[in-house]
Amino acid sequence: MTKADLVERVTAQISQTAGPMISKKDCARVVDSFLDAIKEALQQQKNIEVRGFGTFKIRQRKTRMARNPRTGSPVEVSARPVPVFKPSKELRAMVAGTEYVEEFED
């Protein structure tokens, strides 16, 4: 699914519930703003948690030794932050085609 497909689906969802009150252009701005907000938060080393969907985090990769594919000589890859996504239990169950049962502790 591309970003354009995502905008199409969001526009269709909104038009079903609220009527044709929002244009595709406005919906594209909303999707772009949402993605920009995630990018900015990750750039500032912040975690983003979307309940029922998952968590975007920054994880630190350690320094490691790799090999140059052309020469085979060892090359040191420096430590760096990388973005990771951890899906929620609900999303994992949905993808697996099973029913998610929320556990409550009393």
PDB file of N, CA and C in Angstrom:
ATOM      1  N   MET A   1       0.848  -1.169   0.000  1.00  0.00           N
ATOM      2  CA  MET A   1       0.000   0.000   0.000  1.00  0.00           C
ATOM      3  C   MET A   1       0.897   1.237   0.000  1.00  0.00           C
ATOM      4  N   THR A   2       0.612   2.151  -0.899  1.00  0.00           N
ATOM      5  CA  THR A   2       1.374   3.395  -0.970  1.00  0.00           C
ATOM      6  C   THR A   2       0.676   4.471  -0.156  1.00  0.00           C
ATOM      7  N   LYS A   3       1.347   5.608  -0.017  1.00  0.00           N
ATOM      8  CA  LYS A   3       0.731   6.718   0.719  1.00  0.00           C
ATOM      9  C   LYS A   3      -0.528   7.203   0.007  1.00  0.00           C
ATOM     10  N   ALA A   4      -0.515   7.192  -1.327  1.00  0.00           N
ATOM     11  CA  ALA A   4      -1.702   7.596  -2.093  1.00  0.00           C
ATOM     12  C   ALA A   4      -2.868   6.640  -1.823  1.00  0.00           C
ATOM     13  N   ASP A   5      -2.575   5.346  -1.728  1.00  0.00           N
ATOM     14  CA  ASP A   5      -3.623   4.372  -1.399  1.00  0.00           C
ATOM     15  C   ASP A   5      -4.165   4.616  -0.004  1.00  0.00           C
ATOM     16  N   LEU A   6      -3.273   4.947   0.913  1.00  0.00           N
ATOM     17  CA  LEU A   6      -3.688   5.239   2.284  1.00  0.00           C
ATOM     18  C   LEU A   6      -4.612   6.453   2.323  1.00  0.00           C
ATOM     19  N   VAL A   7      -4.258   7.490   1.579  1.00  0.00           N
ATOM     20  CA  VAL A   7      -5.105   8.698   1.509  1.00  0.00           C
ATOM     21  C   VAL A   7      -6.473   8.344   0.941  1.00  0.00           C
ATOM     22  N   GLU A   8      -6.513   7.512  -0.097  1.00  0.00           N
ATOM     23  CA  GLU A   8      -7.779   7.059  -0.695  1.00  0.00           C
ATOM     24  C   GLU A   8      -8.652   6.377   0.353  1.00  0.00           C
ATOM     25  N   ARG A   9      -8.043   5.445   1.110  1.00  0.00           N
ATOM     26  CA  ARG A   9      -8.818   4.684   2.094  1.00  0.00           C
ATOM     27  C   ARG A   9      -9.312   5.557   3.227  1.00  0.00           C
ATOM     28  N   VAL A  10      -8.474   6.475   3.687  1.00  0.00           N
ATOM     29  CA  VAL A  10      -8.893   7.370   4.772  1.00  0.00           C
ATOM     30  C   VAL A  10     -10.020   8.277   4.285  1.00  0.00           C
ATOM     31  N   THR A  11      -9.903   8.804   3.074  1.00  0.00           N
ATOM     32  CA  THR A  11     -10.958   9.653   2.513  1.00  0.00           C
ATOM     33  C   THR A  11     -12.264   8.873   2.403  1.00  0.00           C
ATOM     34  N   ALA A  12     -12.192   7.624   1.949  1.00  0.00           N
ATOM     35  CA  ALA A  12     -13.391   6.796   1.822  1.00  0.00           C
ATOM     36  C   ALA A  12     -14.017   6.523   3.187  1.00  0.00           C
ATOM     37  N   GLN A  13     -13.195   6.229   4.194  1.00  0.00           N
ATOM     38  CA  GLN A  13     -13.704   5.976   5.548  1.00  0.00           C
ATOM     39  C   GLN A  13     -14.421   7.196   6.105  1.00  0.00           C
ATOM     40  N   ILE A  14     -13.809   8.367   5.945  1.00  0.00           N
ATOM     41  CA  ILE A  14     -14.401   9.589   6.480  1.00  0.00           C
ATOM     42  C   ILE A  14     -15.688   9.924   5.749  1.00  0.00           C
ATOM     43  N   SER A  15     -15.717   9.741   4.432  1.00  0.00           N
ATOM     44  CA  SER A  15     -16.924  10.070   3.672  1.00  0.00           C
ATOM     45  C   SER A  15     -18.069   9.126   4.026  1.00  0.00           C
ATOM     46  N   GLN A  16     -17.783   7.891   4.460  1.00  0.00           N
ATOM     47  CA  GLN A  16     -18.840   6.966   4.881  1.00  0.00           C
ATOM     48  C   GLN A  16     -19.476   7.399   6.185  1.00  0.00           C
ATOM     49  N   THR A  17     -18.664   7.900   7.105  1.00  0.00           N
ATOM     50  CA  THR A  17     -19.193   8.234   8.430  1.00  0.00           C
ATOM     51  C   THR A  17     -19.656   9.680   8.539  1.00  0.00           C
ATOM     52  N   ALA A  18     -18.935  10.603   7.913  1.00  0.00           N
ATOM     53  CA  ALA A  18     -19.258  12.017   8.085  1.00  0.00           C
ATOM     54  C   ALA A  18     -19.802  12.669   6.816  1.00  0.00           C
ATOM     55  N   GLY A  19     -19.913  11.900   5.760  1.00  0.00           N
ATOM     56  CA  GLY A  19     -20.350  12.483   4.494  1.00  0.00           C
ATOM     57  C   GLY A  19     -19.165  13.099   3.779  1.00  0.00           C
ATOM     58  N   PRO A  20     -19.405  13.606   2.574  1.00  0.00           N
ATOM     59  CA  PRO A  20     -18.289  14.157   1.779  1.00  0.00           C
ATOM     60  C   PRO A  20     -17.855  15.546   2.263  1.00  0.00           C
ATOM     61  N   MET A  21     -17.476  15.623   3.544  1.00  0.00           N
ATOM     62  CA  MET A  21     -17.111  16.925   4.117  1.00  0.00           C
ATOM     63  C   MET A  21     -15.633  17.229   3.953  1.00  0.00           C
ATOM     64  N   ILE A  22     -14.822  16.234   3.701  1.00  0.00           N
ATOM     65  CA  ILE A  22     -13.384  16.451   3.611  1.00  0.00           C
ATOM     66  C   ILE A  22     -12.915  16.041   2.210  1.00  0.00           C
ATOM     67  N   SER A  23     -12.084  16.883   1.628  1.00  0.00           N
ATOM     68  CA  SER A  23     -11.581  16.583   0.287  1.00  0.00           C
ATOM     69  C   SER A  23     -10.375  15.646   0.382  1.00  0.00           C
ATOM     70  N   LYS A  24     -10.023  15.070  -0.746  1.00  0.00           N
ATOM     71  CA  LYS A  24      -8.866  14.180  -0.798  1.00  0.00           C
ATOM     72  C   LYS A  24      -7.595  14.960  -0.495  1.00  0.00           C
ATOM     73  N   LYS A  25      -7.565  16.220  -0.918  1.00  0.00           N
ATOM     74  CA  LYS A  25      -6.399  17.071  -0.672  1.00  0.00           C
ATOM     75  C   LYS A  25      -6.219  17.322   0.832  1.00  0.00           C
ATOM     76  N   ASP A  26      -7.330  17.602   1.528  1.00  0.00           N
ATOM     77  CA  ASP A  26      -7.267  17.812   2.977  1.00  0.00           C
ATOM     78  C   ASP A  26      -6.856  16.531   3.697  1.00  0.00           C
ATOM     79  N   CYS A  27      -7.366  15.421   3.214  1.00  0.00           N
ATOM     80  CA  CYS A  27      -7.026  14.133   3.816  1.00  0.00           C
ATOM     81  C   CYS A  27      -5.541  13.835   3.627  1.00  0.00           C
ATOM     82  N   ALA A  28      -4.998  14.184   2.473  1.00  0.00           N
ATOM     83  CA  ALA A  28      -3.566  13.993   2.217  1.00  0.00           C
ATOM     84  C   ALA A  28      -2.741  14.841   3.172  1.00  0.00           C
ATOM     85  N   ARG A  29      -3.217  16.037   3.460  1.00  0.00           N
ATOM     86  CA  ARG A  29      -2.507  16.893   4.430  1.00  0.00           C
ATOM     87  C   ARG A  29      -2.507  16.267   5.822  1.00  0.00           C
ATOM     88  N   VAL A  30      -3.629  15.670   6.205  1.00  0.00           N
ATOM     89  CA  VAL A  30      -3.722  15.021   7.517  1.00  0.00           C
ATOM     90  C   VAL A  30      -2.749  13.848   7.595  1.00  0.00           C
ATOM     91  N   VAL A  31      -2.727  13.012   6.564  1.00  0.00           N
ATOM     92  CA  VAL A  31      -1.827  11.860   6.548  1.00  0.00           C
ATOM     93  C   VAL A  31      -0.374  12.328   6.572  1.00  0.00           C
ATOM     94  N   ASP A  32      -0.045  13.337   5.768  1.00  0.00           N
ATOM     95  CA  ASP A  32       1.320  13.878   5.759  1.00  0.00           C
ATOM     96  C   ASP A  32       1.703  14.446   7.120  1.00  0.00           C
ATOM     97  N   SER A  33       0.780  15.167   7.755  1.00  0.00           N
ATOM     98  CA  SER A  33       1.058  15.748   9.071  1.00  0.00           C
ATOM     99  C   SER A  33       1.287  14.663  10.112  1.00  0.00           C
ATOM    100  N   PHE A  34       0.499  13.603  10.051  1.00  0.00           N
ATOM    101  CA  PHE A  34       0.657  12.489  10.982  1.00  0.00           C
ATOM    102  C   PHE A  34       2.033  11.848  10.819  1.00  0.00           C
ATOM    103  N   LEU A  35       2.408  11.568   9.582  1.00  0.00           N
ATOM    104  CA  LEU A  35       3.708  10.951   9.325  1.00  0.00           C
ATOM    105  C   LEU A  35       4.859  11.882   9.700  1.00  0.00           C
ATOM    106  N   ASP A  36       4.700  13.187   9.444  1.00  0.00           N
ATOM    107  CA  ASP A  36       5.726  14.155   9.820  1.00  0.00           C
ATOM    108  C   ASP A  36       5.894  14.215  11.336  1.00  0.00           C
ATOM    109  N   ALA A  37       4.779  14.131  12.070  1.00  0.00           N
ATOM    110  CA  ALA A  37       4.845  14.164  13.531  1.00  0.00           C
ATOM    111  C   ALA A  37       5.614  12.948  14.052  1.00  0.00           C
ATOM    112  N   ILE A  38       5.401  11.792  13.445  1.00  0.00           N
ATOM    113  CA  ILE A  38       6.138  10.582  13.844  1.00  0.00           C
ATOM    114  C   ILE A  38       7.621  10.754  13.541  1.00  0.00           C
ATOM    115  N   LYS A  39       7.935  11.261  12.349  1.00  0.00           N
ATOM    116  CA  LYS A  39       9.342  11.461  11.970  1.00  0.00           C
ATOM    117  C   LYS A  39      10.045  12.422  12.918  1.00  0.00           C
ATOM    118  N   GLU A  40       9.387  13.537  13.247  1.00  0.00           N
ATOM    119  CA  GLU A  40       9.995  14.535  14.134  1.00  0.00           C
ATOM    120  C   GLU A  40      10.222  13.969  15.528  1.00  0.00           C
ATOM    121  N   ALA A  41       9.256  13.205  16.038  1.00  0.00           N
ATOM    122  CA  ALA A  41       9.414  12.620  17.372  1.00  0.00           C
ATOM    123  C   ALA A  41      10.574  11.623  17.392  1.00  0.00           C
ATOM    124  N   LEU A  42      10.685  10.812  16.351  1.00  0.00           N
ATOM    125  CA  LEU A  42      11.791   9.859  16.282  1.00  0.00           C
ATOM    126  C   LEU A  42      13.126  10.571  16.139  1.00  0.00           C
ATOM    127  N   GLN A  43      13.129  11.670  15.395  1.00  0.00           N
ATOM    128  CA  GLN A  43      14.364  12.448  15.232  1.00  0.00           C
ATOM    129  C   GLN A  43      14.821  13.012  16.574  1.00  0.00           C
ATOM    130  N   GLN A  44      13.859  13.335  17.449  1.00  0.00           N
ATOM    131  CA  GLN A  44      14.177  13.859  18.776  1.00  0.00           C
ATOM    132  C   GLN A  44      14.376  12.736  19.797  1.00  0.00           C
ATOM    133  N   GLN A  45      14.512  11.482  19.306  1.00  0.00           N
ATOM    134  CA  GLN A  45      14.759  10.314  20.151  1.00  0.00           C
ATOM    135  C   GLN A  45      13.593  10.015  21.096  1.00  0.00           C
ATOM    136  N   LYS A  46      12.361  10.350  20.708  1.00  0.00           N
ATOM    137  CA  LYS A  46      11.173  10.080  21.525  1.00  0.00           C
ATOM    138  C   LYS A  46      10.467   8.838  21.000  1.00  0.00           C
ATOM    139  N   ASN A  47       9.765   8.138  21.890  1.00  0.00           N
ATOM    140  CA  ASN A  47       8.954   6.987  21.511  1.00  0.00           C
ATOM    141  C   ASN A  47       7.541   7.449  21.200  1.00  0.00           C
ATOM    142  N   ILE A  48       6.877   6.768  20.266  1.00  0.00           N
ATOM    143  CA  ILE A  48       5.491   7.073  19.919  1.00  0.00           C
ATOM    144  C   ILE A  48       4.680   5.813  20.141  1.00  0.00           C
ATOM    145  N   GLU A  49       3.631   5.912  20.945  1.00  0.00           N
ATOM    146  CA  GLU A  49       2.775   4.768  21.211  1.00  0.00           C
ATOM    147  C   GLU A  49       1.379   5.063  20.684  1.00  0.00           C
ATOM    148  N   VAL A  50       0.904   4.224  19.762  1.00  0.00           N
ATOM    149  CA  VAL A  50      -0.446   4.334  19.226  1.00  0.00           C
ATOM    150  C   VAL A  50      -1.201   3.109  19.735  1.00  0.00           C
ATOM    151  N   ARG A  51      -2.086   3.309  20.686  1.00  0.00           N
ATOM    152  CA  ARG A  51      -2.799   2.195  21.327  1.00  0.00           C
ATOM    153  C   ARG A  51      -3.547   1.369  20.288  1.00  0.00           C
ATOM    154  N   GLY A  52      -3.423   0.061  20.395  1.00  0.00           N
ATOM    155  CA  GLY A  52      -4.084  -0.845  19.480  1.00  0.00           C
ATOM    156  C   GLY A  52      -3.356  -1.021  18.157  1.00  0.00           C
ATOM    157  N   PHE A  53      -2.271  -0.275  17.939  1.00  0.00           N
ATOM    158  CA  PHE A  53      -1.510  -0.379  16.692  1.00  0.00           C
ATOM    159  C   PHE A  53      -0.079  -0.820  16.971  1.00  0.00           C
ATOM    160  N   GLY A  54       0.654  -0.033  17.760  1.00  0.00           N
ATOM    161  CA  GLY A  54       2.026  -0.400  18.078  1.00  0.00           C
ATOM    162  C   GLY A  54       2.831   0.773  18.579  1.00  0.00           C
ATOM    163  N   THR A  55       4.133   0.541  18.730  1.00  0.00           N
ATOM    164  CA  THR A  55       5.041   1.544  19.268  1.00  0.00           C
ATOM    165  C   THR A  55       6.223   1.731  18.325  1.00  0.00           C
ATOM    166  N   PHE A  56       6.529   2.986  18.034  1.00  0.00           N
ATOM    167  CA  PHE A  56       7.724   3.340  17.285  1.00  0.00           C
ATOM    168  C   PHE A  56       8.766   3.763  18.302  1.00  0.00           C
ATOM    169  N   LYS A  57       9.963   3.188  18.224  1.00  0.00           N
ATOM    170  CA  LYS A  57      11.026   3.489  19.182  1.00  0.00           C
ATOM    171  C   LYS A  57      12.332   3.728  18.443  1.00  0.00           C
ATOM    172  N   ILE A  58      13.283   4.308  19.173  1.00  0.00           N
ATOM    173  CA  ILE A  58      14.651   4.429  18.685  1.00  0.00           C
ATOM    174  C   ILE A  58      15.490   3.456  19.497  1.00  0.00           C
ATOM    175  N   ARG A  59      16.228   2.610  18.803  1.00  0.00           N
ATOM    176  CA  ARG A  59      17.100   1.654  19.461  1.00  0.00           C
ATOM    177  C   ARG A  59      18.536   1.946  19.036  1.00  0.00           C
ATOM    178  N   GLN A  60      19.460   1.808  19.961  1.00  0.00           N
ATOM    179  CA  GLN A  60      20.874   2.045  19.664  1.00  0.00           C
ATOM    180  C   GLN A  60      21.512   0.759  19.155  1.00  0.00           C
ATOM    181  N   ARG A  61      22.075   0.802  17.975  1.00  0.00           N
ATOM    182  CA  ARG A  61      22.826  -0.335  17.443  1.00  0.00           C
ATOM    183  C   ARG A  61      24.250  -0.237  17.947  1.00  0.00           C
ATOM    184  N   LYS A  62      24.832  -1.363  18.298  1.00  0.00           N
ATOM    185  CA  LYS A  62      26.205  -1.398  18.791  1.00  0.00           C
ATOM    186  C   LYS A  62      27.189  -1.326  17.626  1.00  0.00           C
ATOM    187  N   THR A  63      28.406  -0.950  17.947  1.00  0.00           N
ATOM    188  CA  THR A  63      29.483  -1.002  16.959  1.00  0.00           C
ATOM    189  C   THR A  63      29.732  -2.461  16.624  1.00  0.00           C
ATOM    190  N   ARG A  64      29.959  -2.749  15.330  1.00  0.00           N
ATOM    191  CA  ARG A  64      30.181  -4.136  14.935  1.00  0.00           C
ATOM    192  C   ARG A  64      31.151  -4.197  13.767  1.00  0.00           C
ATOM    193  N   MET A  65      31.673  -5.371  13.569  1.00  0.00           N
ATOM    194  CA  MET A  65      32.560  -5.602  12.437  1.00  0.00           C
ATOM    195  C   MET A  65      31.752  -6.211  11.298  1.00  0.00           C
ATOM    196  N   ALA A  66      31.964  -5.680  10.090  1.00  0.00           N
ATOM    197  CA  ALA A  66      31.315  -6.205   8.886  1.00  0.00           C
ATOM    198  C   ALA A  66      32.397  -6.456   7.847  1.00  0.00           C
ATOM    199  N   ARG A  67      32.003  -6.945   6.700  1.00  0.00           N
ATOM    200  CA  ARG A  67      32.958  -7.215   5.626  1.00  0.00           C
ATOM    201  C   ARG A  67      32.573  -6.418   4.392  1.00  0.00           C
ATOM    202  N   ASN A  68      33.590  -5.870   3.744  1.00  0.00           N
ATOM    203  CA  ASN A  68      33.385  -5.205   2.464  1.00  0.00           C
ATOM    204  C   ASN A  68      33.066  -6.301   1.445  1.00  0.00           C
ATOM    205  N   PRO A  69      31.900  -6.239   0.770  1.00  0.00           N
ATOM    206  CA  PRO A  69      31.538  -7.325  -0.144  1.00  0.00           C
ATOM    207  C   PRO A  69      32.474  -7.468  -1.342  1.00  0.00           C
ATOM    208  N   ARG A  70      33.122  -6.407  -1.763  1.00  0.00           N
ATOM    209  CA  ARG A  70      34.015  -6.481  -2.929  1.00  0.00           C
ATOM    210  C   ARG A  70      35.379  -7.078  -2.575  1.00  0.00           C
ATOM    211  N   THR A  71      35.955  -6.581  -1.477  1.00  0.00           N
ATOM    212  CA  THR A  71      37.314  -6.999  -1.132  1.00  0.00           C
ATOM    213  C   THR A  71      37.361  -8.073  -0.056  1.00  0.00           C
ATOM    214  N   GLY A  72      36.292  -8.169   0.743  1.00  0.00           N
ATOM    215  CA  GLY A  72      36.284  -9.138   1.832  1.00  0.00           C
ATOM    216  C   GLY A  72      37.019  -8.648   3.067  1.00  0.00           C
ATOM    217  N   SER A  73      37.545  -7.431   3.026  1.00  0.00           N
ATOM    218  CA  SER A  73      38.281  -6.913   4.183  1.00  0.00           C
ATOM    219  C   SER A  73      37.303  -6.460   5.268  1.00  0.00           C
ATOM    220  N   PRO A  74      37.702  -6.610   6.535  1.00  0.00           N
ATOM    221  CA  PRO A  74      36.822  -6.207   7.637  1.00  0.00           C
ATOM    222  C   PRO A  74      36.693  -4.680   7.707  1.00  0.00           C
ATOM    223  N   VAL A  75      35.474  -4.237   8.020  1.00  0.00           N
ATOM    224  CA  VAL A  75      35.170  -2.810   8.143  1.00  0.00           C
ATOM    225  C   VAL A  75      34.387  -2.633   9.436  1.00  0.00           C
ATOM    226  N   GLU A  76      34.735  -1.609  10.206  1.00  0.00           N
ATOM    227  CA  GLU A  76      34.004  -1.339  11.442  1.00  0.00           C
ATOM    228  C   GLU A  76      32.798  -0.455  11.129  1.00  0.00           C
ATOM    229  N   VAL A  77      31.620  -0.910  11.560  1.00  0.00           N
ATOM    230  CA  VAL A  77      30.392  -0.136  11.408  1.00  0.00           C
ATOM    231  C   VAL A  77      30.124   0.507  12.766  1.00  0.00           C
ATOM    232  N   SER A  78      30.069   1.828  12.802  1.00  0.00           N
ATOM    233  CA  SER A  78      29.933   2.538  14.069  1.00  0.00           C
ATOM    234  C   SER A  78      28.527   2.399  14.649  1.00  0.00           C
ATOM    235  N   ALA A  79      28.427   2.652  15.952  1.00  0.00           N
ATOM    236  CA  ALA A  79      27.144   2.614  16.649  1.00  0.00           C
ATOM    237  C   ALA A  79      26.269   3.745  16.129  1.00  0.00           C
ATOM    238  N   ARG A  80      24.963   3.473  16.051  1.00  0.00           N
ATOM    239  CA  ARG A  80      24.048   4.508  15.570  1.00  0.00           C
ATOM    240  C   ARG A  80      22.626   4.196  16.016  1.00  0.00           C
ATOM    241  N   PRO A  81      21.787   5.215  16.109  1.00  0.00           N
ATOM    242  CA  PRO A  81      20.380   4.976  16.449  1.00  0.00           C
ATOM    243  C   PRO A  81      19.602   4.530  15.208  1.00  0.00           C
ATOM    244  N   VAL A  82      18.668   3.591  15.393  1.00  0.00           N
ATOM    245  CA  VAL A  82      17.826   3.120  14.296  1.00  0.00           C
ATOM    246  C   VAL A  82      16.363   3.099  14.764  1.00  0.00           C
ATOM    247  N   PRO A  83      15.424   3.440  13.887  1.00  0.00           N
ATOM    248  CA  PRO A  83      14.009   3.358  14.265  1.00  0.00           C
ATOM    249  C   PRO A  83      13.525   1.912  14.183  1.00  0.00           C
ATOM    250  N   VAL A  84      12.692   1.513  15.136  1.00  0.00           N
ATOM    251  CA  VAL A  84      12.090   0.184  15.131  1.00  0.00           C
ATOM    252  C   VAL A  84      10.599   0.321  15.419  1.00  0.00           C
ATOM    253  N   PHE A  85       9.827  -0.657  14.969  1.00  0.00           N
ATOM    254  CA  PHE A  85       8.388  -0.683  15.220  1.00  0.00           C
ATOM    255  C   PHE A  85       8.037  -1.988  15.904  1.00  0.00           C
ATOM    256  N   LYS A  86       7.305  -1.904  17.010  1.00  0.00           N
ATOM    257  CA  LYS A  86       6.845  -3.095  17.716  1.00  0.00           C
ATOM    258  C   LYS A  86       5.316  -3.094  17.658  1.00  0.00           C
ATOM    259  N   PRO A  87       4.724  -4.048  16.949  1.00  0.00           N
ATOM    260  CA  PRO A  87       3.263  -4.071  16.848  1.00  0.00           C
ATOM    261  C   PRO A  87       2.618  -4.440  18.180  1.00  0.00           C
ATOM    262  N   SER A  88       1.396  -3.964  18.381  1.00  0.00           N
ATOM    263  CA  SER A  88       0.664  -4.291  19.599  1.00  0.00           C
ATOM    264  C   SER A  88       0.169  -5.734  19.535  1.00  0.00           C
ATOM    265  N   LYS A  89      -0.228  -6.267  20.662  1.00  0.00           N
ATOM    266  CA  LYS A  89      -0.770  -7.624  20.705  1.00  0.00           C
ATOM    267  C   LYS A  89      -2.016  -7.721  19.840  1.00  0.00           C
ATOM    268  N   GLU A  90      -2.810  -6.669  19.867  1.00  0.00           N
ATOM    269  CA  GLU A  90      -4.047  -6.634  19.081  1.00  0.00           C
ATOM    270  C   GLU A  90      -3.753  -6.703  17.582  1.00  0.00           C
ATOM    271  N   LEU A  91      -2.757  -5.953  17.117  1.00  0.00           N
ATOM    272  CA  LEU A  91      -2.382  -5.956  15.703  1.00  0.00           C
ATOM    273  C   LEU A  91      -1.789  -7.308  15.310  1.00  0.00           C
ATOM    274  N   ARG A  92      -0.941  -7.873  16.171  1.00  0.00           N
ATOM    275  CA  ARG A  92      -0.357  -9.185  15.872  1.00  0.00           C
ATOM    276  C   ARG A  92      -1.445 -10.250  15.733  1.00  0.00           C
ATOM    277  N   ALA A  93      -2.450 -10.202  16.620  1.00  0.00           N
ATOM    278  CA  ALA A  93      -3.547 -11.175  16.553  1.00  0.00           C
ATOM    279  C   ALA A  93      -4.363 -10.979  15.273  1.00  0.00           C
ATOM    280  N   MET A  94      -4.579  -9.730  14.884  1.00  0.00           N
ATOM    281  CA  MET A  94      -5.343  -9.434  13.680  1.00  0.00           C
ATOM    282  C   MET A  94      -4.632  -9.963  12.438  1.00  0.00           C
ATOM    283  N   VAL A  95      -3.322  -9.754  12.365  1.00  0.00           N
ATOM    284  CA  VAL A  95      -2.538 -10.229  11.225  1.00  0.00           C
ATOM    285  C   VAL A  95      -2.516 -11.752  11.181  1.00  0.00           C
ATOM    286  N   ALA A  96      -2.446 -12.382  12.341  1.00  0.00           N
ATOM    287  CA  ALA A  96      -2.409 -13.843  12.423  1.00  0.00           C
ATOM    288  C   ALA A  96      -3.777 -14.460  12.172  1.00  0.00           C
ATOM    289  N   GLY A  97      -4.827 -13.649  12.196  1.00  0.00           N
ATOM    290  CA  GLY A  97      -6.171 -14.164  11.961  1.00  0.00           C
ATOM    291  C   GLY A  97      -6.796 -14.802  13.178  1.00  0.00           C
ATOM    292  N   THR A  98      -6.279 -14.459  14.358  1.00  0.00           N
ATOM    293  CA  THR A  98      -6.848 -14.982  15.596  1.00  0.00           C
ATOM    294  C   THR A  98      -7.551 -13.863  16.328  1.00  0.00           C
ATOM    295  N   GLU A  99      -8.338 -14.241  17.316  1.00  0.00           N
ATOM    296  CA  GLU A  99      -9.060 -13.245  18.089  1.00  0.00           C
ATOM    297  C   GLU A  99      -8.207 -12.784  19.258  1.00  0.00           C
ATOM    298  N   TYR A 100      -8.150 -11.464  19.444  1.00  0.00           N
ATOM    299  CA  TYR A 100      -7.384 -10.900  20.551  1.00  0.00           C
ATOM    300  C   TYR A 100      -8.274 -10.870  21.782  1.00  0.00           C
ATOM    301  N   VAL A 101      -7.808 -11.475  22.871  1.00  0.00           N
ATOM    302  CA  VAL A 101      -8.539 -11.473  24.121  1.00  0.00           C
ATOM    303  C   VAL A 101      -7.745 -10.635  25.106  1.00  0.00           C
ATOM    304  N   GLU A 102      -8.341  -9.538  25.524  1.00  0.00           N
ATOM    305  CA  GLU A 102      -7.659  -8.645  26.457  1.00  0.00           C
ATOM    306  C   GLU A 102      -7.708  -9.248  27.851  1.00  0.00           C
ATOM    307  N   GLU A 103      -6.549  -9.312  28.493  1.00  0.00           N
ATOM    308  CA  GLU A 103      -6.463  -9.903  29.819  1.00  0.00           C
ATOM    309  C   GLU A 103      -6.565  -8.812  30.861  1.00  0.00           C
ATOM    310  N   PHE A 104      -7.441  -9.023  31.838  1.00  0.00           N
ATOM    311  CA  PHE A 104      -7.603  -8.069  32.933  1.00  0.00           C
ATOM    312  C   PHE A 104      -7.144  -8.720  34.225  1.00  0.00           C
ATOM    313  N   GLU A 105      -6.464  -7.931  35.041  1.00  0.00           N
ATOM    314  CA  GLU A 105      -6.061  -8.424  36.350  1.00  0.00           C
ATOM    315  C   GLU A 105      -6.912  -7.753  37.396  1.00  0.00           C
ATOM    316  N   ASP A 106      -7.463  -8.548  38.299  1.00  0.00           N
ATOM    317  CA  ASP A 106      -8.298  -7.982  39.378  1.00  0.00           C
ATOM    318  C   ASP A 106      -7.555  -7.941  40.672  1.00  0.00           C
TER     319      ASP A 106
END
